[in-house]
Amino acid sequence: QVQLVESGGGLVQPGGSLRLSCAASRNMYYMGWYRQAPGKQRELVAAITNSGSTRYVESVKGRFTISSDNAKNTVHLQMNSLKPEDTAVYYCNGKFYSGIQSIDFWGQGTQVTVSS
């Protein structure tokens, strides 16, 4: 059974920082963080492949950094200069190949609230 275990969410003041972590029970070729705010669609925040390629949504560029520890099947999202609009449930996503088929797994989600 594949599992993605997230940690690191919480309440922080505007301008503060949080670090999210996601530990996978197996190697993934892609891991990403998505978020969903109330009344909005889930969106990609940042992603990283096992070759180290990264991508970010425009609104977090320069503030968030995604990194991975391939040996530990773990991905981190360092979030700095947080804004109220970053408030959302953050979900970890991982993808791996089963034969030629790409399989998706999601974490349970962790709440990030940016408020004074």
N, C-alpha and C. Protein backbone atom coordinates (compact mmCIF):
# COMPACT_ATOMS: atom_id res chain seq x y z
N GLN A 1 0.85 -1.18 0.00
CA GLN A 1 0.00 0.00 0.00
C GLN A 1 0.89 1.24 0.00
N VAL A 2 0.71 2.09 -1.02
CA VAL A 2 1.49 3.31 -1.11
C VAL A 2 0.91 4.35 -0.17
N GLN A 3 1.78 5.04 0.53
CA GLN A 3 1.33 6.10 1.43
C GLN A 3 2.15 7.35 1.23
N LEU A 4 1.50 8.49 1.38
CA LEU A 4 2.15 9.79 1.40
C LEU A 4 1.76 10.44 2.73
N VAL A 5 2.74 10.73 3.55
CA VAL A 5 2.48 11.29 4.87
C VAL A 5 3.00 12.72 4.93
N GLU A 6 2.09 13.65 5.14
CA GLU A 6 2.43 15.06 5.15
C GLU A 6 2.60 15.57 6.58
N SER A 7 3.41 16.61 6.71
CA SER A 7 3.56 17.25 8.01
C SER A 7 3.99 18.69 7.80
N GLY A 8 3.80 19.51 8.82
CA GLY A 8 4.34 20.85 8.81
C GLY A 8 3.35 21.99 8.63
N GLY A 9 2.09 21.72 8.47
CA GLY A 9 1.13 22.81 8.33
C GLY A 9 0.90 23.51 9.66
N GLY A 10 0.11 24.58 9.61
CA GLY A 10 -0.21 25.30 10.83
C GLY A 10 -0.63 26.72 10.57
N LEU A 11 -0.63 27.49 11.66
CA LEU A 11 -1.02 28.90 11.61
C LEU A 11 0.22 29.76 11.69
N VAL A 12 0.31 30.73 10.81
CA VAL A 12 1.47 31.62 10.80
C VAL A 12 1.00 33.03 10.43
N GLN A 13 1.72 34.01 10.93
CA GLN A 13 1.39 35.40 10.61
C GLN A 13 1.89 35.76 9.22
N PRO A 14 1.27 36.75 8.59
CA PRO A 14 1.77 37.21 7.30
C PRO A 14 3.24 37.58 7.39
N GLY A 15 3.99 37.17 6.37
CA GLY A 15 5.43 37.40 6.36
C GLY A 15 6.23 36.28 7.00
N GLY A 16 5.54 35.35 7.64
CA GLY A 16 6.22 34.25 8.30
C GLY A 16 6.56 33.11 7.35
N SER A 17 7.09 32.04 7.94
CA SER A 17 7.54 30.89 7.16
C SER A 17 6.99 29.59 7.73
N LEU A 18 6.83 28.63 6.84
CA LEU A 18 6.48 27.27 7.22
C LEU A 18 7.21 26.32 6.29
N ARG A 19 7.45 25.12 6.78
CA ARG A 19 8.07 24.09 5.94
C ARG A 19 7.18 22.85 5.97
N LEU A 20 6.72 22.47 4.79
CA LEU A 20 5.91 21.26 4.66
C LEU A 20 6.81 20.12 4.21
N SER A 21 6.52 18.94 4.70
CA SER A 21 7.25 17.75 4.29
C SER A 21 6.27 16.65 3.89
N CYS A 22 6.70 15.83 2.96
CA CYS A 22 5.88 14.72 2.51
C CYS A 22 6.79 13.51 2.33
N ALA A 23 6.50 12.46 3.06
CA ALA A 23 7.30 11.24 2.99
C ALA A 23 6.50 10.16 2.27
N ALA A 24 7.09 9.62 1.21
CA ALA A 24 6.44 8.56 0.44
C ALA A 24 6.97 7.20 0.85
N SER A 25 6.12 6.21 0.71
CA SER A 25 6.51 4.86 1.11
C SER A 25 7.28 4.14 0.00
N ARG A 26 7.42 4.79 -1.15
CA ARG A 26 8.20 4.22 -2.24
C ARG A 26 8.73 5.36 -3.09
N ASN A 27 9.65 5.02 -3.99
CA ASN A 27 10.23 6.02 -4.87
C ASN A 27 9.20 6.53 -5.87
N MET A 28 9.19 7.82 -6.08
CA MET A 28 8.29 8.46 -7.04
C MET A 28 9.13 9.18 -8.10
N TYR A 29 8.65 9.22 -9.34
CA TYR A 29 9.39 9.97 -10.35
C TYR A 29 8.99 11.44 -10.34
N TYR A 30 7.90 11.75 -9.66
CA TYR A 30 7.38 13.11 -9.59
C TYR A 30 6.71 13.28 -8.23
N MET A 31 7.00 14.40 -7.59
CA MET A 31 6.28 14.75 -6.36
C MET A 31 5.95 16.23 -6.41
N GLY A 32 4.76 16.55 -5.98
CA GLY A 32 4.35 17.94 -6.03
C GLY A 32 3.45 18.31 -4.88
N TRP A 33 3.34 19.59 -4.67
CA TRP A 33 2.42 20.16 -3.68
C TRP A 33 1.33 20.92 -4.40
N TYR A 34 0.11 20.63 -4.05
CA TYR A 34 -1.06 21.31 -4.58
C TYR A 34 -1.78 21.96 -3.40
N ARG A 35 -2.63 22.92 -3.70
CA ARG A 35 -3.40 23.53 -2.63
C ARG A 35 -4.81 23.82 -3.11
N GLN A 36 -5.71 23.84 -2.15
CA GLN A 36 -7.09 24.14 -2.44
C GLN A 36 -7.66 25.03 -1.35
N ALA A 37 -8.04 26.23 -1.75
CA ALA A 37 -8.67 27.17 -0.84
C ALA A 37 -10.18 27.00 -0.94
N PRO A 38 -10.91 27.42 0.10
CA PRO A 38 -12.37 27.28 0.07
C PRO A 38 -12.98 27.94 -1.16
N GLY A 39 -13.83 27.20 -1.86
CA GLY A 39 -14.50 27.75 -3.04
C GLY A 39 -13.64 27.83 -4.28
N LYS A 40 -12.42 27.32 -4.22
CA LYS A 40 -11.52 27.40 -5.38
C LYS A 40 -11.10 26.00 -5.81
N GLN A 41 -10.61 25.93 -7.05
CA GLN A 41 -10.11 24.66 -7.55
C GLN A 41 -8.73 24.37 -6.99
N ARG A 42 -8.42 23.09 -6.93
CA ARG A 42 -7.08 22.70 -6.51
C ARG A 42 -6.09 23.14 -7.58
N GLU A 43 -4.96 23.70 -7.13
CA GLU A 43 -3.95 24.16 -8.08
C GLU A 43 -2.58 23.64 -7.69
N LEU A 44 -1.75 23.46 -8.71
CA LEU A 44 -0.37 23.08 -8.48
C LEU A 44 0.38 24.26 -7.88
N VAL A 45 1.11 24.01 -6.81
CA VAL A 45 1.95 25.04 -6.19
C VAL A 45 3.39 24.88 -6.65
N ALA A 46 3.92 23.68 -6.49
CA ALA A 46 5.30 23.41 -6.88
C ALA A 46 5.46 21.92 -7.08
N ALA A 47 6.39 21.55 -7.96
CA ALA A 47 6.63 20.14 -8.22
C ALA A 47 8.09 19.92 -8.53
N ILE A 48 8.53 18.69 -8.31
CA ILE A 48 9.91 18.33 -8.60
C ILE A 48 9.94 16.90 -9.12
N THR A 49 10.81 16.67 -10.10
CA THR A 49 10.97 15.31 -10.64
C THR A 49 12.20 14.67 -10.02
N ASN A 50 12.35 13.38 -10.27
CA ASN A 50 13.51 12.70 -9.67
C ASN A 50 14.81 13.08 -10.36
N SER A 51 14.74 13.83 -11.44
CA SER A 51 15.95 14.38 -12.06
C SER A 51 16.28 15.77 -11.54
N GLY A 52 15.40 16.30 -10.68
CA GLY A 52 15.66 17.59 -10.07
C GLY A 52 14.98 18.78 -10.74
N SER A 53 14.24 18.54 -11.80
CA SER A 53 13.53 19.64 -12.46
C SER A 53 12.38 20.11 -11.59
N THR A 54 12.23 21.42 -11.52
CA THR A 54 11.18 22.00 -10.67
C THR A 54 10.29 22.93 -11.48
N ARG A 55 9.10 23.13 -10.95
CA ARG A 55 8.19 24.11 -11.51
C ARG A 55 7.37 24.70 -10.38
N TYR A 56 6.98 25.97 -10.56
CA TYR A 56 6.23 26.69 -9.55
C TYR A 56 5.08 27.45 -10.20
N VAL A 57 4.01 27.61 -9.46
CA VAL A 57 2.98 28.53 -9.91
C VAL A 57 3.53 29.94 -9.75
N GLU A 58 3.14 30.83 -10.64
CA GLU A 58 3.71 32.17 -10.68
C GLU A 58 3.60 32.89 -9.34
N SER A 59 2.52 32.70 -8.64
CA SER A 59 2.26 33.47 -7.42
C SER A 59 3.20 33.14 -6.26
N VAL A 60 3.94 32.04 -6.36
CA VAL A 60 4.84 31.66 -5.25
C VAL A 60 6.31 31.74 -5.64
N LYS A 61 6.58 32.07 -6.89
CA LYS A 61 7.98 32.15 -7.32
C LYS A 61 8.74 33.19 -6.51
N GLY A 62 9.92 32.81 -6.06
CA GLY A 62 10.73 33.69 -5.23
C GLY A 62 10.42 33.60 -3.75
N ARG A 63 9.32 32.94 -3.40
CA ARG A 63 8.94 32.81 -1.98
C ARG A 63 8.98 31.35 -1.51
N PHE A 64 8.62 30.44 -2.38
CA PHE A 64 8.57 29.02 -2.03
C PHE A 64 9.70 28.27 -2.73
N THR A 65 10.21 27.26 -2.06
CA THR A 65 11.24 26.42 -2.65
C THR A 65 10.91 24.95 -2.38
N ILE A 66 10.89 24.17 -3.45
CA ILE A 66 10.65 22.74 -3.31
C ILE A 66 11.99 22.02 -3.43
N SER A 67 12.16 21.01 -2.58
CA SER A 67 13.39 20.22 -2.63
C SER A 67 13.05 18.77 -2.30
N SER A 68 13.96 17.89 -2.64
CA SER A 68 13.69 16.48 -2.39
C SER A 68 14.92 15.77 -1.85
N ASP A 69 14.65 14.73 -1.11
CA ASP A 69 15.69 13.81 -0.64
C ASP A 69 15.32 12.45 -1.24
N ASN A 70 15.90 12.14 -2.39
CA ASN A 70 15.50 10.93 -3.10
C ASN A 70 15.79 9.66 -2.31
N ALA A 71 16.85 9.71 -1.51
CA ALA A 71 17.20 8.52 -0.72
C ALA A 71 16.12 8.22 0.32
N LYS A 72 15.40 9.27 0.77
CA LYS A 72 14.37 9.09 1.78
C LYS A 72 12.96 9.21 1.21
N ASN A 73 12.87 9.34 -0.13
CA ASN A 73 11.56 9.49 -0.79
C ASN A 73 10.75 10.60 -0.15
N THR A 74 11.41 11.72 0.12
CA THR A 74 10.78 12.82 0.84
C THR A 74 10.91 14.11 0.03
N VAL A 75 9.87 14.91 0.06
CA VAL A 75 9.90 16.21 -0.57
C VAL A 75 9.52 17.27 0.46
N HIS A 76 10.17 18.41 0.36
CA HIS A 76 9.91 19.51 1.27
C HIS A 76 9.46 20.74 0.48
N LEU A 77 8.62 21.54 1.12
CA LEU A 77 8.23 22.81 0.53
C LEU A 77 8.50 23.89 1.57
N GLN A 78 9.53 24.67 1.33
CA GLN A 78 9.86 25.79 2.21
C GLN A 78 9.06 27.00 1.74
N MET A 79 8.24 27.52 2.62
CA MET A 79 7.36 28.64 2.26
C MET A 79 7.76 29.85 3.09
N ASN A 80 8.25 30.88 2.42
CA ASN A 80 8.66 32.12 3.08
C ASN A 80 7.75 33.26 2.63
N SER A 81 7.81 34.34 3.39
CA SER A 81 7.02 35.54 3.05
C SER A 81 5.57 35.18 2.77
N LEU A 82 5.01 34.40 3.66
CA LEU A 82 3.64 33.92 3.45
C LEU A 82 2.64 35.06 3.48
N LYS A 83 1.61 34.91 2.65
CA LYS A 83 0.56 35.90 2.52
C LYS A 83 -0.79 35.27 2.88
N PRO A 84 -1.76 36.06 3.26
CA PRO A 84 -3.08 35.50 3.57
C PRO A 84 -3.65 34.68 2.42
N GLU A 85 -3.35 35.06 1.20
CA GLU A 85 -3.87 34.32 0.04
C GLU A 85 -3.21 32.96 -0.14
N ASP A 86 -2.19 32.66 0.64
CA ASP A 86 -1.60 31.32 0.63
C ASP A 86 -2.39 30.34 1.50
N THR A 87 -3.36 30.86 2.22
CA THR A 87 -4.17 30.01 3.09
C THR A 87 -4.94 28.99 2.26
N ALA A 88 -4.76 27.72 2.61
CA ALA A 88 -5.40 26.63 1.87
C ALA A 88 -5.05 25.31 2.55
N VAL A 89 -5.70 24.26 2.08
CA VAL A 89 -5.25 22.92 2.43
C VAL A 89 -4.22 22.50 1.37
N TYR A 90 -3.07 22.10 1.82
CA TYR A 90 -1.99 21.71 0.93
C TYR A 90 -1.92 20.19 0.86
N TYR A 91 -1.89 19.69 -0.37
CA TYR A 91 -1.87 18.24 -0.61
C TYR A 91 -0.58 17.84 -1.31
N CYS A 92 -0.01 16.76 -0.86
CA CYS A 92 1.15 16.17 -1.53
C CYS A 92 0.66 15.18 -2.59
N ASN A 93 1.29 15.23 -3.73
CA ASN A 93 0.97 14.29 -4.81
C ASN A 93 2.24 13.58 -5.25
N GLY A 94 2.13 12.30 -5.48
CA GLY A 94 3.27 11.53 -5.97
C GLY A 94 2.85 10.65 -7.13
N LYS A 95 3.78 10.47 -8.07
CA LYS A 95 3.49 9.64 -9.22
C LYS A 95 4.61 8.60 -9.38
N PHE A 96 4.24 7.39 -9.71
CA PHE A 96 5.22 6.36 -10.03
C PHE A 96 4.68 5.51 -11.17
N TYR A 97 5.60 4.80 -11.82
CA TYR A 97 5.20 3.95 -12.93
C TYR A 97 4.97 2.52 -12.45
N SER A 98 3.86 1.98 -12.90
CA SER A 98 3.60 0.54 -12.75
C SER A 98 3.55 0.00 -14.17
N GLY A 99 4.65 -0.60 -14.62
CA GLY A 99 4.77 -0.94 -16.02
C GLY A 99 4.89 0.34 -16.82
N ILE A 100 3.99 0.54 -17.77
CA ILE A 100 4.00 1.78 -18.55
C ILE A 100 2.95 2.77 -18.05
N GLN A 101 2.23 2.38 -17.01
CA GLN A 101 1.14 3.22 -16.51
C GLN A 101 1.63 4.09 -15.36
N SER A 102 1.29 5.38 -15.44
CA SER A 102 1.62 6.30 -14.35
C SER A 102 0.51 6.26 -13.32
N ILE A 103 0.90 6.05 -12.07
CA ILE A 103 -0.06 5.94 -10.98
C ILE A 103 0.07 7.16 -10.07
N ASP A 104 -1.09 7.73 -9.71
CA ASP A 104 -1.16 8.91 -8.85
C ASP A 104 -1.53 8.53 -7.42
N PHE A 105 -0.85 9.16 -6.46
CA PHE A 105 -1.28 9.04 -5.07
C PHE A 105 -1.30 10.42 -4.43
N TRP A 106 -2.24 10.59 -3.48
CA TRP A 106 -2.39 11.86 -2.78
C TRP A 106 -2.27 11.65 -1.28
N GLY A 107 -1.70 12.66 -0.64
CA GLY A 107 -1.69 12.69 0.81
C GLY A 107 -3.04 13.15 1.33
N GLN A 108 -3.16 13.17 2.67
CA GLN A 108 -4.44 13.50 3.28
C GLN A 108 -4.69 15.01 3.36
N GLY A 109 -3.67 15.80 3.15
CA GLY A 109 -3.81 17.25 3.20
C GLY A 109 -3.39 17.81 4.54
N THR A 110 -2.82 18.99 4.51
CA THR A 110 -2.45 19.69 5.74
C THR A 110 -2.84 21.15 5.60
N GLN A 111 -3.45 21.68 6.65
CA GLN A 111 -3.96 23.05 6.61
C GLN A 111 -2.84 24.05 6.85
N VAL A 112 -2.80 25.06 5.98
CA VAL A 112 -1.91 26.20 6.17
C VAL A 112 -2.79 27.44 6.26
N THR A 113 -2.68 28.15 7.37
CA THR A 113 -3.46 29.36 7.58
C THR A 113 -2.52 30.52 7.84
N VAL A 114 -2.64 31.56 7.03
CA VAL A 114 -1.81 32.75 7.17
C VAL A 114 -2.72 33.89 7.61
N SER A 115 -2.56 34.28 8.86
CA SER A 115 -3.46 35.28 9.43
C SER A 115 -2.81 35.96 10.61
N SER A 116 -3.15 37.23 10.79
CA SER A 116 -2.66 37.96 11.97
C SER A 116 -3.68 37.88 13.10
